[in-house]
Protein backbone atom coordinates (compact mmCIF):
# COMPACT_ATOMS: atom_id res chain seq x y z
CA MET A 1 15.89 9.28 29.80
CA ASP A 2 17.92 11.14 26.19
CA ARG A 3 14.70 13.82 25.92
CA THR A 4 16.68 15.36 23.24
CA ALA A 5 14.10 14.90 19.88
CA ARG A 6 13.80 17.20 16.46
CA ALA A 7 10.85 17.55 14.21
CA PHE A 8 10.07 18.53 10.89
CA TRP A 9 7.78 21.88 11.01
CA LEU A 10 5.68 23.85 8.64
CA ARG A 11 7.34 27.04 8.78
CA ALA A 12 4.70 29.30 6.95
CA PRO A 13 3.71 27.93 3.87
CA GLY A 14 5.39 26.16 1.13
CA GLU A 15 8.55 26.31 4.01
CA GLY A 16 9.61 23.55 6.34
CA GLU A 17 12.86 23.17 8.72
CA ILE A 18 13.79 20.98 11.10
CA ARG A 19 13.40 21.69 14.65
CA ALA A 20 14.60 20.89 18.07
CA ALA A 21 12.15 19.35 20.75
CA THR A 22 12.62 18.48 24.33
CA LEU A 23 10.33 15.86 25.51
CA PRO A 24 8.46 15.81 28.34
CA LEU A 25 9.23 13.15 31.11
CA PRO A 26 6.48 10.03 30.85
CA ASP A 27 4.10 9.25 32.88
CA PRO A 28 3.65 5.71 33.92
CA ASP A 29 0.58 5.17 31.33
CA GLU A 30 2.50 6.93 28.30
CA VAL A 31 5.56 5.64 25.80
CA VAL A 32 8.81 7.13 24.72
CA VAL A 33 8.95 5.91 20.50
CA ARG A 34 12.10 6.07 18.99
CA THR A 35 10.99 6.97 15.17
CA LEU A 36 12.52 3.90 12.68
CA PHE A 37 10.08 5.75 9.45
CA SER A 38 7.35 7.82 9.05
CA GLY A 39 4.98 7.63 5.75
CA VAL A 40 4.31 11.42 3.76
CA SER A 41 0.45 11.14 3.08
CA ARG A 42 1.02 12.37 -0.35
CA GLY A 43 -2.47 14.10 -0.66
CA THR A 44 -3.36 15.74 2.68
CA GLU A 45 0.23 16.98 3.48
CA THR A 46 0.74 18.35 0.40
CA LEU A 47 -2.46 20.65 0.94
CA VAL A 48 -1.47 21.59 4.16
CA PHE A 49 2.12 22.39 2.65
CA ARG A 50 0.64 24.45 0.35
CA GLY A 51 -1.94 26.41 3.10
CA GLY A 52 -4.60 24.87 1.08
CA VAL A 53 -6.77 23.71 4.61
CA PRO A 54 -9.99 26.61 4.24
CA ALA A 55 -10.42 28.19 7.65
CA SER A 56 -13.79 26.66 8.25
CA GLN A 57 -11.53 23.11 8.21
CA ARG A 58 -8.14 24.06 10.26
CA THR A 59 -10.14 22.68 13.41
CA VAL A 60 -11.49 19.43 11.76
CA MET A 61 -8.28 18.41 9.88
CA ARG A 62 -5.89 18.72 13.25
CA ALA A 63 -3.99 15.61 13.71
CA PRO A 64 -3.93 13.60 16.76
CA PHE A 65 -0.79 14.84 18.04
CA GLN A 66 -0.41 18.11 16.21
CA GLU A 67 1.00 21.29 17.69
CA GLY A 68 0.82 24.52 16.13
CA ASP A 69 -2.43 25.68 14.20
CA LEU A 70 -3.04 25.30 10.57
CA PRO A 71 -1.62 27.17 8.11
CA ALA A 72 1.53 27.40 10.65
CA PRO A 73 3.56 27.58 12.08
CA VAL A 74 2.17 23.67 12.65
CA LYS A 75 3.77 20.30 12.78
CA TYR A 76 1.88 17.85 11.03
CA GLY A 77 1.39 14.55 9.82
CA TYR A 78 0.13 11.24 11.38
CA LEU A 79 2.25 8.07 9.66
CA SER A 80 4.97 7.04 12.25
CA VAL A 81 6.41 3.81 13.21
CA GLY A 82 8.68 3.27 15.73
CA THR A 83 10.54 1.23 18.90
CA VAL A 84 8.57 1.64 22.25
CA GLU A 85 11.89 2.71 24.25
CA HIS A 86 9.88 3.18 27.85
CA GLY A 87 6.35 2.19 28.59
CA PRO A 88 4.15 -0.01 30.44
CA ALA A 89 6.22 -3.73 30.26
CA ALA A 90 4.01 -5.20 27.62
CA LEU A 91 4.57 -2.58 25.30
CA LEU A 92 8.52 -2.09 25.90
CA GLY A 93 10.73 -2.64 22.94
CA ARG A 94 7.78 -3.74 20.64
CA THR A 95 6.97 -2.14 17.36
CA VAL A 96 4.54 0.03 16.67
CA PHE A 97 2.49 2.29 14.77
CA CYS A 98 1.13 5.94 15.95
CA LEU A 99 -0.61 8.81 14.45
CA TYR A 100 2.49 11.50 15.04
CA PRO A 101 4.06 13.79 12.88
CA HIS A 102 7.41 13.14 11.52
CA GLN A 103 9.80 13.58 14.45
CA THR A 104 12.28 11.41 15.73
CA ARG A 105 11.37 10.73 19.61
CA TYR A 106 7.72 11.67 21.14
CA VAL A 107 6.37 10.83 24.28
CA VAL A 108 2.02 9.50 23.51
CA PRO A 109 -0.42 7.73 25.93
CA ALA A 110 0.28 3.64 25.83
CA SER A 111 -3.41 3.71 24.48
CA ALA A 112 -2.22 5.78 20.97
CA VAL A 113 0.04 3.37 19.82
CA THR A 114 -0.81 0.33 17.91
CA PRO A 115 1.80 -2.77 17.94
CA VAL A 116 2.67 -3.81 14.28
CA PRO A 117 2.19 -7.75 14.01
CA GLU A 118 5.53 -9.74 13.81
CA ASP A 119 4.69 -10.87 10.38
CA VAL A 120 4.35 -7.17 9.48
CA PRO A 121 7.71 -5.94 8.30
CA PRO A 122 8.24 -1.75 10.12
CA ALA A 123 9.31 -0.22 6.58
CA ARG A 124 5.62 -1.32 5.46
CA ALA A 125 4.07 -0.41 8.77
CA VAL A 126 3.94 3.49 7.58
CA LEU A 127 1.43 2.54 5.32
CA ALA A 128 -1.10 1.99 8.40
CA GLY A 129 -3.04 4.67 8.20
CA THR A 130 -3.36 4.66 4.35
CA VAL A 131 -4.98 1.17 4.83
CA GLU A 132 -6.99 2.04 7.77
CA THR A 133 -8.42 5.21 5.61
CA ALA A 134 -9.45 2.03 2.80
CA VAL A 135 -10.61 0.09 5.01
CA ASN A 136 -13.10 2.53 6.34
CA ALA A 137 -14.35 3.55 2.51
CA LEU A 138 -15.05 -0.25 1.46
CA TRP A 139 -16.92 -0.13 5.03
CA ASP A 140 -18.94 2.75 3.76
CA ALA A 141 -18.60 1.28 0.18
CA ALA A 142 -20.13 -2.29 0.77
CA PRO A 143 -18.44 -3.73 -2.32
CA LEU A 144 -20.66 -7.64 -3.34
CA VAL A 145 -19.14 -10.84 -4.99
CA GLY A 146 -19.01 -10.48 -8.59
CA ASP A 147 -19.27 -6.30 -8.44
CA ARG A 148 -17.46 -4.11 -11.52
CA ILE A 149 -15.40 -1.88 -9.55
CA ALA A 150 -13.61 1.46 -10.72
CA VAL A 151 -10.90 3.21 -8.63
CA VAL A 152 -10.41 6.48 -10.43
CA GLY A 153 -7.14 8.23 -9.48
CA ALA A 154 -4.05 5.90 -8.48
CA GLY A 155 -2.54 7.86 -5.84
CA MET A 156 -1.61 6.46 -2.34
CA VAL A 157 -5.16 6.30 -0.87
CA GLY A 158 -6.74 4.89 -4.38
CA ALA A 159 -4.05 1.97 -5.25
CA THR A 160 -4.54 0.82 -1.30
CA VAL A 161 -8.40 0.69 -1.94
CA ALA A 162 -7.34 -1.32 -4.91
CA ALA A 163 -5.14 -3.39 -3.51
CA LEU A 164 -7.97 -4.17 -0.94
CA LEU A 165 -10.41 -4.78 -3.67
CA ALA A 166 -8.29 -7.51 -5.23
CA ARG A 167 -9.21 -9.76 -2.36
CA PHE A 168 -12.84 -10.07 -2.85
CA PRO A 169 -13.83 -12.85 -5.12
CA GLY A 170 -15.27 -12.51 -8.74
CA VAL A 171 -14.63 -9.02 -8.82
CA ARG A 172 -13.56 -6.79 -11.34
CA VAL A 173 -10.83 -3.98 -10.49
CA GLU A 174 -9.99 -1.44 -12.58
CA LEU A 175 -7.37 0.90 -11.65
CA VAL A 176 -7.98 4.64 -13.67
CA ASP A 177 -5.39 7.04 -13.90
CA VAL A 178 -4.17 9.89 -16.52
CA ASP A 179 -0.28 8.31 -15.77
CA PRO A 180 0.67 5.40 -17.46
CA ALA A 181 3.35 4.71 -15.32
CA ARG A 182 0.54 3.20 -12.52
CA ALA A 183 -0.07 0.55 -14.88
CA ALA A 184 3.15 -1.19 -13.54
CA VAL A 185 1.83 -0.66 -9.75
CA ALA A 186 -1.89 -1.92 -10.82
CA ALA A 187 -0.02 -5.38 -12.15
CA ALA A 188 1.95 -5.14 -8.83
CA LEU A 189 -1.32 -5.09 -6.44
CA GLY A 190 -3.21 -7.81 -9.29
CA VAL A 191 -6.08 -5.26 -10.99
CA GLY A 192 -6.51 -3.95 -14.19
CA PHE A 193 -5.48 -0.55 -15.10
CA ALA A 194 -6.96 2.03 -18.06
CA ALA A 195 -6.42 5.83 -19.06
CA PRO A 196 -9.69 7.38 -18.29
CA GLU A 197 -10.93 7.55 -21.49
CA GLN A 198 -9.98 3.56 -21.61
CA ALA A 199 -11.53 2.66 -18.74
CA VAL A 200 -14.34 0.07 -18.70
CA GLY A 201 -18.38 1.33 -18.18
CA GLU A 202 -20.91 0.01 -16.33
CA CYS A 203 -19.46 -0.14 -13.23
CA ASP A 204 -21.40 -1.41 -10.15
CA LEU A 205 -19.30 0.92 -7.82
CA VAL A 206 -16.24 3.58 -8.53
CA VAL A 207 -14.22 4.60 -5.67
CA HIS A 208 -12.75 8.19 -6.48
CA ALA A 209 -9.68 9.69 -5.43
CA SER A 210 -7.90 11.18 -7.98
CA ALA A 211 -8.77 14.42 -6.21
CA SER A 212 -9.68 16.02 -9.47
CA GLU A 213 -12.84 17.69 -10.97
CA ALA A 214 -12.22 15.95 -14.15
CA GLY A 215 -11.96 12.61 -12.27
CA LEU A 216 -14.92 12.83 -10.46
CA ALA A 217 -17.26 13.61 -13.80
CA ARG A 218 -15.30 10.72 -15.26
CA SER A 219 -16.25 8.45 -12.12
CA LEU A 220 -19.84 9.58 -12.39
CA GLU A 221 -19.60 8.61 -16.38
CA LEU A 222 -18.33 5.06 -15.78
CA LEU A 223 -21.41 4.09 -13.56
CA GLY A 224 -24.25 1.82 -14.45
CA ASP A 225 -27.74 2.61 -13.69
CA GLU A 226 -28.17 3.33 -9.87
CA GLY A 227 -24.11 3.03 -9.33
CA GLU A 228 -22.74 4.76 -6.97
CA VAL A 229 -19.40 6.60 -6.49
CA ILE A 230 -17.81 6.60 -3.08
CA GLU A 231 -16.08 9.84 -2.95
CA LEU A 232 -12.37 10.22 -0.45
CA SER A 233 -11.35 13.21 -2.05
CA TRP A 234 -10.46 16.17 0.16
CA TYR A 235 -10.57 19.25 -2.65
CA GLY A 236 -8.91 21.57 0.51
CA ASP A 237 -10.18 25.58 -0.78
CA ARG A 238 -10.55 24.68 -3.85
CA SER A 239 -14.25 24.50 -5.53
CA VAL A 240 -15.44 21.70 -7.74
CA CYS A 241 -17.89 21.28 -10.22
CA VAL A 242 -19.54 18.44 -9.88
CA PRO A 243 -21.96 17.09 -13.17
CA LEU A 244 -25.32 16.57 -11.81
CA GLY A 245 -27.24 17.78 -15.27
CA GLU A 246 -28.00 15.23 -18.06
CA ALA A 247 -28.34 11.77 -16.97
CA PHE A 248 -27.71 11.76 -13.56
CA HIS A 249 -31.02 12.20 -12.12
CA SER A 250 -32.45 9.71 -14.69
CA ARG A 251 -29.98 6.78 -14.56
CA ARG A 252 -30.34 7.28 -10.46
CA LEU A 253 -26.41 7.85 -9.85
CA THR A 254 -25.69 8.13 -6.09
CA VAL A 255 -22.04 10.18 -4.97
CA ARG A 256 -21.52 9.88 -1.36
CA ALA A 257 -18.79 11.10 1.19
CA SER A 258 -16.28 8.72 2.97
CA GLN A 259 -13.95 10.52 5.58
CA VAL A 260 -11.46 8.37 8.07
CA GLY A 261 -11.93 10.71 11.23
CA ALA A 262 -15.40 8.78 12.20
CA VAL A 263 -15.82 4.69 11.51
CA ALA A 264 -18.39 4.28 8.75
CA PRO A 265 -22.00 3.92 10.28
CA ALA A 266 -22.19 0.03 9.06
CA ARG A 267 -19.55 -1.13 11.56
CA ARG A 268 -19.77 2.10 14.10
CA ARG A 269 -21.79 0.24 16.84
CA ARG A 270 -19.68 -2.58 16.71
CA ARG A 271 -16.19 -1.39 15.48
CA THR A 272 -13.72 1.04 17.77
CA HIS A 273 -10.77 3.47 16.16
CA ALA A 274 -8.56 1.17 17.66
CA ASP A 275 -10.04 -2.18 15.98
CA ARG A 276 -10.43 -0.43 12.96
CA MET A 277 -6.50 0.02 12.88
CA ALA A 278 -5.36 -3.22 14.19
CA LEU A 279 -7.14 -4.41 11.51
CA ALA A 280 -5.15 -2.22 9.24
CA CYS A 281 -1.71 -3.23 10.46
CA ALA A 282 -2.82 -7.13 10.23
CA LEU A 283 -3.67 -6.99 6.88
CA LEU A 284 -0.16 -5.25 6.11
CA ALA A 285 1.33 -8.49 6.69
CA ASP A 286 0.57 -8.75 2.60
CA PRO A 287 3.89 -7.96 0.31
CA VAL A 288 1.31 -6.72 -2.16
CA PHE A 289 1.70 -3.77 -0.19
CA ASP A 290 5.16 -2.80 -1.09
CA ALA A 291 4.25 -1.88 -4.39
CA ILE A 292 2.73 1.52 -3.03
CA VAL A 293 5.94 2.85 -1.11
CA THR A 294 7.87 4.16 -4.11
CA ASP A 295 10.41 6.31 -2.62
CA GLU A 296 12.26 6.99 0.49
CA CYS A 297 14.24 10.18 1.88
CA PRO A 298 16.22 10.90 4.88
CA PHE A 299 14.02 12.87 7.77
CA ASP A 300 16.79 15.10 7.51
CA ASP A 301 15.62 16.12 3.91
CA LEU A 302 12.06 16.39 4.14
CA PRO A 303 12.52 20.42 4.04
CA THR A 304 13.11 19.75 0.75
CA LEU A 305 11.25 17.06 0.13
CA LEU A 306 7.98 18.52 0.30
CA PRO A 307 8.06 21.47 -1.87
CA ARG A 308 9.19 19.40 -4.75
CA LEU A 309 5.73 16.84 -4.21
CA THR A 310 3.83 19.69 -3.69
CA ALA A 311 4.81 21.11 -6.93
CA GLY A 312 4.42 17.48 -8.29
CA GLU A 313 8.13 17.11 -9.35
CA LEU A 314 7.87 13.53 -7.96
CA GLY A 315 5.79 10.93 -9.10
CA ALA A 316 5.88 9.58 -5.68
CA LEU A 317 3.07 7.75 -4.04
CA CYS A 318 3.98 7.23 -0.22
CA VAL A 319 7.71 8.33 0.26
CA ARG A 320 8.84 6.66 3.51
CA VAL A 321 11.18 8.87 5.78
CA VAL A 322 14.11 6.83 7.04
CA TYR A 323 15.19 7.82 10.54
CA GLU A 324 18.79 7.02 11.94
C-alpha cells in the first residue's frame, strides 16, 4: 500500500503549514482512508489557530486523533470524509466520516469511522460532526411542540441547530445575527431571521452560539419568564461578563452549558457516541444542510485560509476542503 500522506499542521499560533506524513501499516481491525473532503470547524479551529485554548483546557480540548500538543505545533481538526482503501470487507470502498484532522490519507481503527448513508452526498457529510453537536444540544434543550425559540449566532453551529429546529411541529424559530447577509441562510433553512435589536422576545428557549458577550446578554433578554438559554459558545481564554443582575433572579432564568464531548444526560443511558454520530449522518440526507457549506478551498490552500478566517476577512460558515 502507498504509505505517503500530507497533513495540515499549526506550526505556531497564527502559522500553518503542510507536512509530509508516513502512514503506519494497518492492523486487521484498522482501515486506511483516502480523504475526499474535510470541513473547517470555524469557531474551534480559528480559536486553536490563534493559540486561544487556555492551558487548563488543553487536555480536554484534544481532538480524537490530534498529534502534538496545544498550543503548537499541533495537527488539529475533526471533520473528515473519505473512501476506505484498505480494511474489513464490510467497509472496503465505503464512504465514511471520521473525527480526523486535515490529512490526505490516514489509518484509524475501523470502529472510529461511521459509514455515510448512500442518500447523503460525501461533500455534505463534512457537516456530520456539527450536526452531532446540534443533536446533543437539542437533547439538552428538549424543545416542545409550539415553542418560541431564538438561535442567537448564525454561524456554523447556530445555523445547524436552526435547521434541526425547523423540523419541530408548531415551533417558531428565529435565527438572530448581526450580519444581515445571514438572512439568506435563514431563508434557505426555512426559519425566520432578525438582527439582535429586532428579535422577538418572550422565548421559551434560546440557543446561544455567537461566542460573544453581547450575544449572551441578548439571549437572556429574549427569554420569557422561567425560560432557558442553552450555551453552545466556547470562549477559550476570553473572560465573559454574564448579566445576572436586574431581572435575572425575579424572572427565574436559566443558563445551561451544552458540550458535545459527552452524550447529553437526557440520552446518556440509552445512546452511545456511535449512535449519536450515526443519527447525525442520517439527518444529512436533507439537502437543506447544503446552505451551511458556503465556501470551498483546495487542501493546499489551508495555510493561507486559516489566517483569513481567524482575522474575520471571510464571512464563511463552513469551508469545505477539497482533496485531489
